N, C-alpha and C. Protein backbone atom coordinates (compact mmCIF):
# COMPACT_ATOMS: atom_id res chain seq x y z
N MET A 1 305.10 67.04 -1.55
CA MET A 1 303.91 66.28 -2.20
C MET A 1 302.81 67.39 -2.81
N SER A 2 302.42 66.73 -4.18
CA SER A 2 301.58 67.62 -5.08
C SER A 2 300.19 67.27 -4.70
N LYS A 3 299.34 68.46 -4.88
CA LYS A 3 297.75 68.31 -4.75
C LYS A 3 297.18 67.57 -5.71
N SER A 4 296.28 66.90 -5.50
CA SER A 4 295.46 66.32 -6.56
C SER A 4 294.54 67.14 -7.02
N PRO A 5 294.10 67.10 -8.25
CA PRO A 5 293.13 67.99 -9.00
C PRO A 5 291.75 68.36 -8.12
N ALA A 6 291.29 67.42 -7.35
CA ALA A 6 290.09 67.69 -6.38
C ALA A 6 290.63 68.78 -5.36
N GLU A 7 291.81 68.79 -4.99
CA GLU A 7 292.21 69.66 -3.76
C GLU A 7 292.62 70.82 -4.33
N ASP A 8 292.66 71.23 -5.71
CA ASP A 8 292.91 72.50 -6.31
C ASP A 8 291.83 73.38 -6.34
N GLY A 9 290.62 73.11 -5.86
CA GLY A 9 289.49 73.97 -5.85
C GLY A 9 288.76 73.62 -7.20
N PRO A 10 287.54 74.37 -7.26
CA PRO A 10 286.98 74.24 -8.56
C PRO A 10 287.69 74.83 -9.87
N LYS A 11 287.44 73.95 -11.02
CA LYS A 11 288.16 74.59 -12.10
C LYS A 11 287.05 75.49 -12.88
N GLU A 12 287.66 76.59 -13.38
CA GLU A 12 286.98 77.49 -14.10
C GLU A 12 286.55 76.64 -15.55
N LYS A 13 285.37 76.95 -15.98
CA LYS A 13 284.65 76.37 -17.15
C LYS A 13 285.17 77.40 -18.09
N LYS A 14 285.48 76.75 -19.32
CA LYS A 14 285.98 77.54 -20.71
C LYS A 14 284.76 78.08 -21.20
N PRO A 15 284.38 79.42 -21.62
CA PRO A 15 283.22 79.72 -22.31
C PRO A 15 283.15 78.94 -23.46
N ARG A 16 281.90 78.60 -23.97
CA ARG A 16 281.49 78.05 -24.99
C ARG A 16 281.51 79.00 -26.13
N ARG A 17 282.22 78.38 -27.25
CA ARG A 17 282.06 79.58 -28.48
C ARG A 17 280.57 79.38 -29.20
N SER A 18 280.31 80.72 -29.33
CA SER A 18 278.91 80.78 -29.85
C SER A 18 278.91 80.55 -31.32
N ARG A 19 277.88 79.59 -31.56
CA ARG A 19 278.08 79.05 -33.18
C ARG A 19 276.49 78.84 -33.43
N LYS A 20 276.30 79.49 -34.46
CA LYS A 20 274.75 79.17 -34.87
C LYS A 20 274.66 77.75 -35.37
N LYS A 21 273.53 77.09 -34.93
CA LYS A 21 273.24 75.71 -35.05
C LYS A 21 272.51 75.78 -36.51
N SER A 22 273.13 74.77 -37.32
CA SER A 22 272.47 74.56 -38.46
C SER A 22 271.45 73.63 -38.35
N PRO A 23 270.19 73.81 -39.31
CA PRO A 23 269.28 72.80 -39.23
C PRO A 23 269.67 71.40 -39.44
N ASP A 24 269.00 70.50 -38.91
CA ASP A 24 269.06 69.19 -38.99
C ASP A 24 269.14 68.75 -40.44
N ILE A 25 270.07 67.75 -40.75
CA ILE A 25 270.11 67.30 -42.14
C ILE A 25 268.84 66.79 -42.74
N SER A 26 268.00 66.09 -42.02
CA SER A 26 266.77 65.69 -42.34
C SER A 26 265.78 66.97 -42.66
N VAL A 27 265.94 68.00 -41.93
CA VAL A 27 265.04 69.20 -42.37
C VAL A 27 265.48 69.61 -43.43
N GLN A 28 266.84 69.81 -43.72
CA GLN A 28 267.31 70.56 -45.09
C GLN A 28 267.11 69.67 -46.14
N LEU A 29 267.16 68.46 -46.18
CA LEU A 29 266.80 67.48 -47.14
C LEU A 29 265.37 67.62 -47.66
N ARG A 30 264.60 67.43 -46.48
CA ARG A 30 262.97 67.47 -46.92
C ARG A 30 262.67 68.76 -47.58
N ALA A 31 263.31 69.97 -47.33
CA ALA A 31 263.02 71.21 -47.82
C ALA A 31 263.75 71.32 -49.17
N ALA A 32 264.79 70.77 -49.37
CA ALA A 32 265.43 70.52 -50.79
C ALA A 32 264.38 69.73 -51.94
N ILE A 33 263.97 68.69 -51.16
CA ILE A 33 263.23 67.77 -52.00
C ILE A 33 261.73 68.44 -52.55
N VAL A 34 261.37 69.25 -51.47
CA VAL A 34 259.89 69.80 -51.95
C VAL A 34 260.40 71.26 -52.78
N GLU A 35 261.25 71.90 -52.40
CA GLU A 35 261.81 73.19 -53.38
C GLU A 35 262.04 72.60 -54.67
N SER A 36 262.59 71.32 -54.79
CA SER A 36 263.07 70.87 -56.21
C SER A 36 261.69 70.76 -57.25
N GLY A 37 260.66 70.57 -56.58
CA GLY A 37 259.49 70.38 -57.39
C GLY A 37 259.48 68.98 -58.17
N MET A 38 260.49 68.29 -57.97
CA MET A 38 260.54 66.98 -58.68
C MET A 38 259.53 66.00 -58.28
N PRO A 39 258.82 65.47 -59.02
CA PRO A 39 257.60 64.52 -58.69
C PRO A 39 258.34 63.38 -57.87
N LEU A 40 257.67 62.66 -56.84
CA LEU A 40 258.39 61.79 -55.94
C LEU A 40 258.79 60.53 -56.97
N ILE A 41 257.92 60.25 -57.78
CA ILE A 41 258.26 58.81 -58.77
C ILE A 41 259.30 59.09 -59.63
N LYS A 42 259.53 60.43 -59.97
CA LYS A 42 260.73 60.86 -60.77
C LYS A 42 262.19 60.80 -60.03
N LEU A 43 262.14 61.38 -58.68
CA LEU A 43 263.22 61.40 -57.74
C LEU A 43 263.67 59.85 -57.30
N SER A 44 262.54 59.05 -57.13
CA SER A 44 262.61 57.70 -56.85
C SER A 44 263.49 56.81 -58.08
N GLN A 45 263.10 57.14 -59.24
CA GLN A 45 263.45 56.48 -60.51
C GLN A 45 265.06 56.74 -60.77
N LYS A 46 265.32 58.33 -60.56
CA LYS A 46 266.66 58.81 -60.99
C LYS A 46 267.71 58.14 -59.66
N SER A 47 267.02 58.22 -58.32
CA SER A 47 268.06 57.85 -57.29
C SER A 47 268.07 56.57 -56.89
N GLY A 48 267.13 55.61 -57.26
CA GLY A 48 267.15 54.30 -57.00
C GLY A 48 266.68 54.01 -55.68
N VAL A 49 266.07 55.21 -55.10
CA VAL A 49 265.55 54.88 -53.61
C VAL A 49 264.07 54.72 -53.76
N HIS A 50 263.55 53.72 -53.11
CA HIS A 50 262.06 53.45 -53.39
C HIS A 50 261.21 54.48 -53.05
N SER A 51 260.19 54.78 -53.80
CA SER A 51 259.03 55.91 -53.75
C SER A 51 258.61 55.90 -52.30
N ALA A 52 258.38 54.67 -51.91
CA ALA A 52 257.59 54.52 -50.50
C ALA A 52 258.78 55.07 -49.22
N GLN A 53 259.78 54.69 -49.53
CA GLN A 53 260.90 55.16 -48.43
C GLN A 53 260.96 56.79 -48.52
N ILE A 54 261.09 57.34 -49.66
CA ILE A 54 261.14 58.70 -49.56
C ILE A 54 259.76 59.40 -49.13
N SER A 55 258.59 58.75 -49.43
CA SER A 55 257.39 59.22 -48.82
C SER A 55 257.24 59.28 -47.59
N ARG A 56 257.63 58.26 -47.02
CA ARG A 56 257.80 57.97 -45.46
C ARG A 56 258.77 59.11 -44.81
N PHE A 57 259.99 59.30 -45.40
CA PHE A 57 260.88 60.27 -45.09
C PHE A 57 260.28 61.59 -45.06
N LEU A 58 259.62 62.03 -46.14
CA LEU A 58 258.87 63.38 -46.14
C LEU A 58 257.90 63.43 -45.22
N ASN A 59 257.20 62.52 -44.87
CA ASN A 59 256.04 62.53 -43.87
C ASN A 59 256.57 62.44 -42.42
N GLN A 60 257.79 62.32 -42.40
CA GLN A 60 258.56 62.37 -41.12
C GLN A 60 258.04 60.96 -40.37
N GLN A 61 257.95 59.88 -41.00
CA GLN A 61 257.65 58.57 -40.48
C GLN A 61 258.65 57.71 -40.28
N ARG A 62 259.91 57.99 -41.09
CA ARG A 62 261.07 57.18 -40.95
C ARG A 62 262.28 58.15 -41.36
N THR A 63 263.43 57.64 -41.09
CA THR A 63 264.61 58.38 -41.55
C THR A 63 265.32 57.58 -42.74
N LEU A 64 266.17 58.17 -43.37
CA LEU A 64 266.88 57.44 -44.53
C LEU A 64 268.40 57.12 -43.99
N THR A 65 268.74 56.02 -44.72
CA THR A 65 270.14 55.68 -44.60
C THR A 65 271.04 56.64 -45.20
N LEU A 66 272.28 56.60 -44.92
CA LEU A 66 273.18 57.47 -45.46
C LEU A 66 273.51 57.18 -47.00
N PRO A 67 273.48 56.01 -47.49
CA PRO A 67 273.54 55.80 -48.92
C PRO A 67 272.27 56.32 -49.62
N ALA A 68 271.19 56.25 -49.08
CA ALA A 68 269.90 56.98 -49.62
C ALA A 68 269.92 58.31 -49.93
N VAL A 69 270.62 59.06 -48.57
CA VAL A 69 270.63 60.51 -48.65
C VAL A 69 271.64 60.90 -49.78
N VAL A 70 272.75 60.06 -49.91
CA VAL A 70 273.67 60.28 -50.68
C VAL A 70 273.20 60.27 -52.39
N LYS A 71 272.32 59.35 -52.56
CA LYS A 71 271.57 58.99 -53.87
C LYS A 71 270.89 60.21 -54.24
N ILE A 72 269.89 60.58 -53.00
CA ILE A 72 269.01 61.64 -53.34
C ILE A 72 269.86 63.10 -53.59
N CYS A 73 270.74 63.20 -52.84
CA CYS A 73 271.58 64.56 -52.92
C CYS A 73 272.27 64.67 -54.24
N HIS A 74 272.64 63.56 -54.72
CA HIS A 74 273.26 63.53 -56.17
C HIS A 74 272.28 63.89 -57.16
N VAL A 75 270.91 63.30 -57.08
CA VAL A 75 270.02 63.79 -58.17
C VAL A 75 269.67 65.17 -57.87
N LEU A 76 269.43 65.70 -56.90
CA LEU A 76 269.14 67.12 -56.49
C LEU A 76 270.30 67.94 -56.63
N ARG A 77 271.46 67.42 -57.04
CA ARG A 77 273.02 68.31 -57.19
C ARG A 77 273.07 69.13 -55.84
N LEU A 78 273.09 68.23 -54.68
CA LEU A 78 273.14 68.84 -53.66
C LEU A 78 274.68 68.22 -53.06
N THR A 79 275.49 68.99 -52.22
CA THR A 79 276.75 68.73 -51.89
C THR A 79 276.63 68.43 -50.13
N LEU A 80 276.97 67.33 -50.00
CA LEU A 80 276.92 67.03 -48.32
C LEU A 80 278.28 67.33 -47.78
N VAL A 81 278.39 68.27 -46.75
CA VAL A 81 279.49 68.76 -46.04
C VAL A 81 279.78 68.29 -44.74
N PRO A 82 280.75 67.66 -44.35
CA PRO A 82 281.07 67.22 -43.13
C PRO A 82 281.01 68.14 -41.96
N PHE A 83 280.40 67.64 -40.95
CA PHE A 83 280.27 68.66 -39.79
C PHE A 83 281.51 68.69 -39.09
N GLU A 84 282.01 69.96 -38.61
CA GLU A 84 283.22 69.93 -38.01
C GLU A 84 282.97 70.77 -36.69
N GLY A 85 283.22 69.96 -35.49
CA GLY A 85 282.62 70.69 -34.29
C GLY A 85 283.57 70.10 -33.27
């Protein structure tokens, strides 16, 4: 008769890989918008994202939808890279 996993004793935990945590996408996008120096109205007109939405995002009062993020990234010539983890 074989032992159940509970009878084998405690399992050893695998060591976690050390990985630098990249800043949250919101933090990175806020920084990119500010660093671009582009006026909020111009960013809004070029991206099609309402200026109030961008303003609230910059003031950390709301988040942006993925489509809005993609539009803003396109205007700022930023590339979104999928997280692999």
